[in-house]
Amino acid sequence: MEKLALLYEYQQSDAKLEAFEKKLKNTATRKQLIKLQDYLKKQQVLLKDMEKKAMVDQNSLSEIDAQHAKMTKMLGKKHKDISEYEKVEAQELDFNVVKGLVSEYETTYENIVKQKRKAVAVEKKADDTEKKLKEILSHVSKVQKDFALLKKKHAEELHAGAGELDKLKKASEAAAKKVDADLLKRYKRIKQNKPKPVALLSDGRCMGCNMDLPSSALAKIKKMGAIVECENCGRILYMK
C-alpha cells in the first residue's frame, strides 16, 4: 500500500501543476490573443485573395486598352477607306463594296463602345477592390498594434507566474522520484485516456467512476495489498 500512497501523493502534485499551467494558458488575455491571431490569419488569406482579384482586374484593363487601341486604329482605316470612296463618281461605285465597308465601320464602332463600357465596369470593380483593400489594411494595422500589446501583457502574466510554476514542477518531480518506476509507467499509460489515473476506494466503490467493485477485487486489495485497476474505468484503485 505504501507504493500506492506515494503514487497518490504524486498524482496530487501532478494535478496541482496541471491546474496552474491551465490557469496560465486560459487567462482572458491569452484568449483574446488567440482570437486576434485567428482574425489576422483570416485577414491575411482575404488580402491575398483580393490582391489576386486586383491583379486579374488590372490584366483585364490592360487587355481591354490593347483591344481598344487596335479597334480604334481599325476604325480610322475604315473611315479612310470610306473617305476614298467619297471621291469616286456615283456611277462608278460598287454598292455592295460600299455597303460592306459601312457595315464593317459600324460593327467596329459598336465593338469600341462595348469595350468602353466593359472598361468602365472593370475600372469600377478595381476601384471598389482597392477601397476595400485600404479599409482592411487600416483595420489590420490597428489589430496588429492591439495584438502586440496583448502579447506583451501575456508575457508579463507568464513571468509573474513563473516562480509558482517552477515550485510546482519541482514538487511534482520530487514526488515522481519516490514512486516505483513500473507503477509510474502504468500511471502515465492510464493517464493517456483518464485525467486522474488513481481513484480512491470508498465503501467498496471506485470514486473515479462511482461503480461498485466485485468482492474478488476488494479481497485482493484488502487481504493481499495487490495493485488493482477498476474493471469499469481502468483506474488504479487506492484505499487510504
C-alpha atoms as a PDB file:
ATOM      1  CA  MET A   1       0.000   0.000   0.000  1.00  0.00           C
ATOM      2  CA  GLU A   2       2.985   2.291   0.555  1.00  0.00           C
ATOM      3  CA  LYS A   3       3.620   2.276  -3.201  1.00  0.00           C
ATOM      4  CA  LEU A   4       0.061   3.433  -3.876  1.00  0.00           C
ATOM      5  CA  ALA A   5       0.263   6.120  -1.190  1.00  0.00           C
ATOM      6  CA  LEU A   6       3.331   7.595  -2.877  1.00  0.00           C
ATOM      7  CA  LEU A   7       1.654   7.352  -6.264  1.00  0.00           C
ATOM      8  CA  TYR A   8      -1.440   9.112  -4.925  1.00  0.00           C
ATOM      9  CA  GLU A   9       0.736  11.892  -3.489  1.00  0.00           C
ATOM     10  CA  TYR A  10       2.411  12.259  -6.880  1.00  0.00           C
ATOM     11  CA  GLN A  11      -0.990  12.490  -8.586  1.00  0.00           C
ATOM     12  CA  GLN A  12      -1.975  15.325  -6.245  1.00  0.00           C
ATOM     13  CA  SER A  13       1.246  17.225  -7.083  1.00  0.00           C
ATOM     14  CA  ASP A  14       0.743  16.457 -10.770  1.00  0.00           C
ATOM     15  CA  ALA A  15      -2.850  17.742 -10.639  1.00  0.00           C
ATOM     16  CA  LYS A  16      -1.799  20.997  -8.939  1.00  0.00           C
ATOM     17  CA  LEU A  17       0.845  21.564 -11.611  1.00  0.00           C
ATOM     18  CA  GLU A  18      -1.584  20.908 -14.459  1.00  0.00           C
ATOM     19  CA  ALA A  19      -4.243  23.148 -12.885  1.00  0.00           C
ATOM     20  CA  PHE A  20      -1.771  26.018 -12.581  1.00  0.00           C
ATOM     21  CA  GLU A  21      -0.481  25.528 -16.146  1.00  0.00           C
ATOM     22  CA  LYS A  22      -4.077  25.541 -17.381  1.00  0.00           C
ATOM     23  CA  LYS A  23      -4.751  28.727 -15.434  1.00  0.00           C
ATOM     24  CA  LEU A  24      -1.759  30.440 -17.083  1.00  0.00           C
ATOM     25  CA  LYS A  25      -2.865  29.286 -20.528  1.00  0.00           C
ATOM     26  CA  ASN A  26      -6.500  30.283 -20.120  1.00  0.00           C
ATOM     27  CA  THR A  27      -6.342  33.874 -18.960  1.00  0.00           C
ATOM     28  CA  ALA A  28      -8.641  36.449 -20.578  1.00  0.00           C
ATOM     29  CA  THR A  29      -5.534  37.993 -22.160  1.00  0.00           C
ATOM     30  CA  ARG A  30      -4.455  34.736 -23.804  1.00  0.00           C
ATOM     31  CA  LYS A  31      -7.977  34.013 -25.063  1.00  0.00           C
ATOM     32  CA  GLN A  32      -8.164  37.471 -26.646  1.00  0.00           C
ATOM     33  CA  LEU A  33      -4.657  36.989 -28.051  1.00  0.00           C
ATOM     34  CA  ILE A  34      -5.671  33.725 -29.750  1.00  0.00           C
ATOM     35  CA  LYS A  35      -8.844  35.367 -31.061  1.00  0.00           C
ATOM     36  CA  LEU A  36      -6.866  38.228 -32.631  1.00  0.00           C
ATOM     37  CA  GLN A  37      -4.303  35.773 -34.010  1.00  0.00           C
ATOM     38  CA  ASP A  38      -7.061  33.807 -35.760  1.00  0.00           C
ATOM     39  CA  TYR A  39      -8.546  37.040 -37.109  1.00  0.00           C
ATOM     40  CA  LEU A  40      -5.189  38.187 -38.508  1.00  0.00           C
ATOM     41  CA  LYS A  41      -4.643  34.829 -40.197  1.00  0.00           C
ATOM     42  CA  LYS A  42      -8.073  35.028 -41.866  1.00  0.00           C
ATOM     43  CA  GLN A  43      -7.463  38.623 -42.974  1.00  0.00           C
ATOM     44  CA  GLN A  44      -4.108  37.588 -44.421  1.00  0.00           C
ATOM     45  CA  VAL A  45      -5.846  34.967 -46.570  1.00  0.00           C
ATOM     46  CA  LEU A  46      -8.517  37.508 -47.574  1.00  0.00           C
ATOM     47  CA  LEU A  47      -5.910  40.099 -48.528  1.00  0.00           C
ATOM     48  CA  LYS A  48      -4.055  37.615 -50.726  1.00  0.00           C
ATOM     49  CA  ASP A  49      -7.318  36.697 -52.443  1.00  0.00           C
ATOM     50  CA  MET A  50      -8.210  40.351 -53.032  1.00  0.00           C
ATOM     51  CA  GLU A  51      -4.727  41.103 -54.332  1.00  0.00           C
ATOM     52  CA  LYS A  52      -5.154  38.297 -56.866  1.00  0.00           C
ATOM     53  CA  LYS A  53      -8.514  39.740 -57.922  1.00  0.00           C
ATOM     54  CA  ALA A  54      -6.957  43.208 -58.254  1.00  0.00           C
ATOM     55  CA  MET A  55      -4.251  41.712 -60.472  1.00  0.00           C
ATOM     56  CA  VAL A  56      -6.885  39.991 -62.628  1.00  0.00           C
ATOM     57  CA  ASP A  57      -8.773  43.305 -62.974  1.00  0.00           C
ATOM     58  CA  GLN A  58      -5.550  45.109 -63.904  1.00  0.00           C
ATOM     59  CA  ASN A  59      -4.747  42.497 -66.545  1.00  0.00           C
ATOM     60  CA  SER A  60      -8.304  42.771 -67.921  1.00  0.00           C
ATOM     61  CA  LEU A  61      -7.952  46.553 -68.201  1.00  0.00           C
ATOM     62  CA  SER A  62      -4.621  46.194 -69.984  1.00  0.00           C
ATOM     63  CA  GLU A  63      -6.189  43.721 -72.423  1.00  0.00           C
ATOM     64  CA  ILE A  64      -9.201  45.990 -72.996  1.00  0.00           C
ATOM     65  CA  ASP A  65      -6.918  49.001 -73.602  1.00  0.00           C
ATOM     66  CA  ALA A  66      -4.911  47.000 -76.146  1.00  0.00           C
ATOM     67  CA  GLN A  67      -8.078  45.868 -77.948  1.00  0.00           C
ATOM     68  CA  HIS A  68      -9.488  49.405 -77.828  1.00  0.00           C
ATOM     69  CA  ALA A  69      -6.314  50.820 -79.411  1.00  0.00           C
ATOM     70  CA  LYS A  70      -6.400  48.105 -82.079  1.00  0.00           C
ATOM     71  CA  MET A  71     -10.068  48.705 -82.921  1.00  0.00           C
ATOM     72  CA  THR A  72      -9.617  52.487 -82.907  1.00  0.00           C
ATOM     73  CA  LYS A  73      -6.829  52.097 -85.448  1.00  0.00           C
ATOM     74  CA  MET A  74      -9.041  49.759 -87.474  1.00  0.00           C
ATOM     75  CA  LEU A  75     -11.881  52.281 -87.297  1.00  0.00           C
ATOM     76  CA  GLY A  76      -9.573  55.000 -88.600  1.00  0.00           C
ATOM     77  CA  LYS A  77      -8.609  52.775 -91.539  1.00  0.00           C
ATOM     78  CA  LYS A  78     -12.268  52.016 -92.336  1.00  0.00           C
ATOM     79  CA  HIS A  79     -13.061  55.701 -92.166  1.00  0.00           C
ATOM     80  CA  LYS A  80     -10.199  56.422 -94.555  1.00  0.00           C
ATOM     81  CA  ASP A  81     -11.399  53.710 -96.955  1.00  0.00           C
ATOM     82  CA  ILE A  82     -14.918  55.193 -96.948  1.00  0.00           C
ATOM     83  CA  SER A  83     -13.477  58.675 -97.476  1.00  0.00           C
ATOM     84  CA  GLU A  84     -11.642  57.414-100.554  1.00  0.00           C
ATOM     85  CA  TYR A  85     -14.913  56.131-101.984  1.00  0.00           C
ATOM     86  CA  GLU A  86     -16.487  59.541-101.450  1.00  0.00           C
ATOM     87  CA  LYS A  87     -14.191  60.874-104.194  1.00  0.00           C
ATOM     88  CA  VAL A  88     -15.413  58.297-106.715  1.00  0.00           C
ATOM     89  CA  GLU A  89     -18.269  59.187-109.074  1.00  0.00           C
ATOM     90  CA  ALA A  90     -21.611  57.690-108.079  1.00  0.00           C
ATOM     91  CA  GLN A  91     -21.976  55.704-111.304  1.00  0.00           C
ATOM     92  CA  GLU A  92     -18.593  54.076-110.709  1.00  0.00           C
ATOM     93  CA  LEU A  93     -19.333  52.980-107.169  1.00  0.00           C
ATOM     94  CA  ASP A  94     -19.895  49.305-106.345  1.00  0.00           C
ATOM     95  CA  PHE A  95     -22.897  49.381-103.999  1.00  0.00           C
ATOM     96  CA  ASN A  96     -22.042  46.049-102.323  1.00  0.00           C
ATOM     97  CA  VAL A  97     -18.456  47.115-101.611  1.00  0.00           C
ATOM     98  CA  VAL A  98     -19.595  50.411-100.106  1.00  0.00           C
ATOM     99  CA  LYS A  99     -22.309  48.659 -98.114  1.00  0.00           C
ATOM    100  CA  GLY A 100     -19.719  46.176 -96.789  1.00  0.00           C
ATOM    101  CA  LEU A 101     -17.361  48.987 -95.770  1.00  0.00           C
ATOM    102  CA  VAL A 102     -20.110  50.856 -93.945  1.00  0.00           C
ATOM    103  CA  SER A 103     -21.210  47.658 -92.180  1.00  0.00           C
ATOM    104  CA  GLU A 104     -17.627  46.935 -91.085  1.00  0.00           C
ATOM    105  CA  TYR A 105     -17.266  50.535 -89.866  1.00  0.00           C
ATOM    106  CA  GLU A 106     -20.467  50.325 -87.821  1.00  0.00           C
ATOM    107  CA  THR A 107     -19.533  46.928 -86.369  1.00  0.00           C
ATOM    108  CA  THR A 108     -16.084  48.187 -85.384  1.00  0.00           C
ATOM    109  CA  TYR A 109     -17.595  51.294 -83.793  1.00  0.00           C
ATOM    110  CA  GLU A 110     -20.117  49.189 -81.825  1.00  0.00           C
ATOM    111  CA  ASN A 111     -17.312  46.965 -80.600  1.00  0.00           C
ATOM    112  CA  ILE A 112     -15.367  50.029 -79.429  1.00  0.00           C
ATOM    113  CA  VAL A 113     -18.437  51.228 -77.495  1.00  0.00           C
ATOM    114  CA  LYS A 114     -18.830  47.774 -75.904  1.00  0.00           C
ATOM    115  CA  GLN A 115     -15.149  47.699 -74.933  1.00  0.00           C
ATOM    116  CA  LYS A 116     -15.512  51.148 -73.399  1.00  0.00           C
ATOM    117  CA  ARG A 117     -18.468  50.005 -71.298  1.00  0.00           C
ATOM    118  CA  LYS A 118     -16.558  46.891 -70.266  1.00  0.00           C
ATOM    119  CA  ALA A 119     -13.558  49.033 -69.300  1.00  0.00           C
ATOM    120  CA  VAL A 120     -15.757  51.320 -67.161  1.00  0.00           C
ATOM    121  CA  ALA A 121     -17.251  48.278 -65.361  1.00  0.00           C
ATOM    122  CA  VAL A 122     -13.828  46.734 -64.710  1.00  0.00           C
ATOM    123  CA  GLU A 123     -12.442  50.095 -63.515  1.00  0.00           C
ATOM    124  CA  LYS A 124     -15.330  50.431 -61.048  1.00  0.00           C
ATOM    125  CA  LYS A 125     -14.715  46.892 -59.817  1.00  0.00           C
ATOM    126  CA  ALA A 126     -10.989  47.640 -59.453  1.00  0.00           C
ATOM    127  CA  ASP A 127     -11.739  50.864 -57.542  1.00  0.00           C
ATOM    128  CA  ASP A 128     -14.100  49.004 -55.188  1.00  0.00           C
ATOM    129  CA  THR A 129     -11.458  46.327 -54.583  1.00  0.00           C
ATOM    130  CA  GLU A 130      -8.797  48.955 -53.905  1.00  0.00           C
ATOM    131  CA  LYS A 131     -11.116  50.765 -51.477  1.00  0.00           C
ATOM    132  CA  LYS A 132     -11.889  47.510 -49.640  1.00  0.00           C
ATOM    133  CA  LEU A 133      -8.173  46.668 -49.523  1.00  0.00           C
ATOM    134  CA  LYS A 134      -7.382  50.013 -47.906  1.00  0.00           C
ATOM    135  CA  GLU A 135     -10.146  49.514 -45.310  1.00  0.00           C
ATOM    136  CA  ILE A 136      -8.903  46.013 -44.438  1.00  0.00           C
ATOM    137  CA  LEU A 137      -5.259  47.119 -44.245  1.00  0.00           C
ATOM    138  CA  SER A 138      -6.219  50.003 -41.972  1.00  0.00           C
ATOM    139  CA  HIS A 139      -8.140  47.707 -39.622  1.00  0.00           C
ATOM    140  CA  VAL A 140      -5.436  45.017 -39.720  1.00  0.00           C
ATOM    141  CA  SER A 141      -2.856  47.644 -38.768  1.00  0.00           C
ATOM    142  CA  LYS A 142      -4.920  48.572 -35.682  1.00  0.00           C
ATOM    143  CA  VAL A 143      -5.422  44.898 -34.730  1.00  0.00           C
ATOM    144  CA  GLN A 144      -1.689  44.243 -35.080  1.00  0.00           C
ATOM    145  CA  LYS A 145      -0.992  47.012 -32.559  1.00  0.00           C
ATOM    146  CA  ASP A 146      -3.581  45.548 -30.162  1.00  0.00           C
ATOM    147  CA  PHE A 147      -2.033  42.116 -30.686  1.00  0.00           C
ATOM    148  CA  ALA A 148       1.436  43.417 -29.804  1.00  0.00           C
ATOM    149  CA  LEU A 149       0.130  44.992 -26.581  1.00  0.00           C
ATOM    150  CA  LEU A 150      -1.738  41.824 -25.589  1.00  0.00           C
ATOM    151  CA  LYS A 151       1.332  39.710 -26.345  1.00  0.00           C
ATOM    152  CA  LYS A 152       3.396  41.887 -24.030  1.00  0.00           C
ATOM    153  CA  LYS A 153       0.723  41.679 -21.315  1.00  0.00           C
ATOM    154  CA  HIS A 154       0.553  37.882 -21.641  1.00  0.00           C
ATOM    155  CA  ALA A 155       4.346  37.635 -21.379  1.00  0.00           C
ATOM    156  CA  GLU A 156       4.123  39.658 -18.149  1.00  0.00           C
ATOM    157  CA  GLU A 157       1.450  37.287 -16.826  1.00  0.00           C
ATOM    158  CA  LEU A 158       3.640  34.268 -17.597  1.00  0.00           C
ATOM    159  CA  HIS A 159       6.617  35.940 -15.949  1.00  0.00           C
ATOM    160  CA  ALA A 160       4.546  36.707 -12.832  1.00  0.00           C
ATOM    161  CA  GLY A 161       3.532  33.037 -12.555  1.00  0.00           C
ATOM    162  CA  ALA A 162       6.970  31.627 -13.399  1.00  0.00           C
ATOM    163  CA  GLY A 163       8.020  31.321  -9.751  1.00  0.00           C
ATOM    164  CA  GLU A 164       4.939  29.383  -8.687  1.00  0.00           C
ATOM    165  CA  LEU A 165       5.133  27.231 -11.832  1.00  0.00           C
ATOM    166  CA  ASP A 166       8.764  26.327 -11.108  1.00  0.00           C
ATOM    167  CA  LYS A 167       7.880  25.496  -7.499  1.00  0.00           C
ATOM    168  CA  LEU A 168       5.056  23.163  -8.567  1.00  0.00           C
ATOM    169  CA  LYS A 169       7.249  21.491 -11.211  1.00  0.00           C
ATOM    170  CA  LYS A 170       9.951  20.747  -8.660  1.00  0.00           C
ATOM    171  CA  ALA A 171       7.390  19.386  -6.203  1.00  0.00           C
ATOM    172  CA  SER A 172       5.940  17.137  -8.921  1.00  0.00           C
ATOM    173  CA  GLU A 173       9.393  15.908  -9.973  1.00  0.00           C
ATOM    174  CA  ALA A 174      10.343  15.194  -6.346  1.00  0.00           C
ATOM    175  CA  ALA A 175       7.109  13.247  -5.795  1.00  0.00           C
ATOM    176  CA  ALA A 176       7.654  11.283  -9.030  1.00  0.00           C
ATOM    177  CA  LYS A 177      11.124  10.145  -7.891  1.00  0.00           C
ATOM    178  CA  LYS A 178       9.579   8.441  -4.863  1.00  0.00           C
ATOM    179  CA  VAL A 179       7.207   6.356  -6.995  1.00  0.00           C
ATOM    180  CA  ASP A 180       8.073   2.849  -8.203  1.00  0.00           C
ATOM    181  CA  ALA A 181       9.257   3.136 -11.830  1.00  0.00           C
ATOM    182  CA  ASP A 182       6.952   0.422 -13.208  1.00  0.00           C
ATOM    183  CA  LEU A 183       3.986   1.841 -11.326  1.00  0.00           C
ATOM    184  CA  LEU A 184       4.736   5.312 -12.701  1.00  0.00           C
ATOM    185  CA  LYS A 185       4.773   3.907 -16.249  1.00  0.00           C
ATOM    186  CA  ARG A 186       1.422   2.295 -15.572  1.00  0.00           C
ATOM    187  CA  TYR A 187       0.116   5.604 -14.230  1.00  0.00           C
ATOM    188  CA  LYS A 188       1.227   7.505 -17.374  1.00  0.00           C
ATOM    189  CA  ARG A 189      -0.282   4.863 -19.660  1.00  0.00           C
ATOM    190  CA  ILE A 190      -3.682   5.180 -17.972  1.00  0.00           C
ATOM    191  CA  LYS A 191      -3.393   8.990 -17.989  1.00  0.00           C
ATOM    192  CA  GLN A 192      -3.457   8.986 -21.778  1.00  0.00           C
ATOM    193  CA  ASN A 193      -7.185   8.252 -21.509  1.00  0.00           C
ATOM    194  CA  LYS A 194      -8.054   9.253 -17.935  1.00  0.00           C
ATOM    195  CA  PRO A 195      -7.268  12.661 -16.357  1.00  0.00           C
ATOM    196  CA  LYS A 196      -6.652  11.154 -12.903  1.00  0.00           C
ATOM    197  CA  PRO A 197      -5.323   7.574 -13.134  1.00  0.00           C
ATOM    198  CA  VAL A 198      -5.568   6.877  -9.398  1.00  0.00           C
ATOM    199  CA  ALA A 199      -9.039   6.682  -7.824  1.00  0.00           C
ATOM    200  CA  LEU A 200      -9.895   6.379  -4.140  1.00  0.00           C
ATOM    201  CA  LEU A 201     -11.738   3.292  -2.976  1.00  0.00           C
ATOM    202  CA  SER A 202     -14.572   4.073  -0.563  1.00  0.00           C
ATOM    203  CA  ASP A 203     -17.177   1.608   0.766  1.00  0.00           C
ATOM    204  CA  GLY A 204     -16.281  -0.865  -1.952  1.00  0.00           C
ATOM    205  CA  ARG A 205     -16.838   1.742  -4.663  1.00  0.00           C
ATOM    206  CA  CYS A 206     -14.460   3.328  -7.190  1.00  0.00           C
ATOM    207  CA  MET A 207     -14.718   7.097  -6.696  1.00  0.00           C
ATOM    208  CA  GLY A 208     -13.410   7.648 -10.217  1.00  0.00           C
ATOM    209  CA  CYS A 209     -16.461   6.211 -11.975  1.00  0.00           C
ATOM    210  CA  ASN A 210     -18.744   5.630  -8.948  1.00  0.00           C
ATOM    211  CA  MET A 211     -19.108   1.904  -9.667  1.00  0.00           C
ATOM    212  CA  ASP A 212     -19.156  -0.876  -7.042  1.00  0.00           C
ATOM    213  CA  LEU A 213     -16.266  -3.331  -7.181  1.00  0.00           C
ATOM    214  CA  PRO A 214     -16.766  -7.107  -7.187  1.00  0.00           C
ATOM    215  CA  SER A 215     -15.924  -8.823  -3.910  1.00  0.00           C
ATOM    216  CA  SER A 216     -12.991 -10.667  -5.513  1.00  0.00           C
ATOM    217  CA  ALA A 217     -11.282  -7.385  -6.370  1.00  0.00           C
ATOM    218  CA  LEU A 218     -11.909  -5.982  -2.902  1.00  0.00           C
ATOM    219  CA  ALA A 219     -10.415  -9.112  -1.349  1.00  0.00           C
ATOM    220  CA  LYS A 220      -7.222  -8.711  -3.392  1.00  0.00           C
ATOM    221  CA  ILE A 221      -6.832  -5.131  -2.223  1.00  0.00           C
ATOM    222  CA  LYS A 222      -7.710  -5.674   1.455  1.00  0.00           C
ATOM    223  CA  LYS A 223      -6.031  -9.009   2.131  1.00  0.00           C
ATOM    224  CA  MET A 224      -3.107  -9.150  -0.277  1.00  0.00           C
ATOM    225  CA  GLY A 225      -2.462  -5.459  -0.872  1.00  0.00           C
ATOM    226  CA  ALA A 226      -2.486  -6.070  -4.620  1.00  0.00           C
ATOM    227  CA  ILE A 227      -2.498  -3.235  -7.115  1.00  0.00           C
ATOM    228  CA  VAL A 228      -5.869  -3.473  -8.820  1.00  0.00           C
ATOM    229  CA  GLU A 229      -7.411  -1.467 -11.654  1.00  0.00           C
ATOM    230  CA  CYS A 230     -11.139  -0.726 -11.716  1.00  0.00           C
ATOM    231  CA  GLU A 231     -12.881  -3.146 -14.085  1.00  0.00           C
ATOM    232  CA  ASN A 232     -15.136  -0.323 -15.295  1.00  0.00           C
ATOM    233  CA  CYS A 233     -12.907   2.744 -15.802  1.00  0.00           C
ATOM    234  CA  GLY A 234      -9.414   1.206 -15.661  1.00  0.00           C
ATOM    235  CA  ARG A 235      -8.075   3.499 -12.918  1.00  0.00           C
ATOM    236  CA  ILE A 236      -5.653   2.241 -10.263  1.00  0.00           C
ATOM    237  CA  LEU A 237      -7.580   1.835  -7.019  1.00  0.00           C
ATOM    238  CA  TYR A 238      -6.194   3.254  -3.773  1.00  0.00           C
ATOM    239  CA  MET A 239      -7.648   2.738  -0.318  1.00  0.00           C
ATOM    240  CA  LYS A 240      -6.317   5.069   2.359  1.00  0.00           C
END
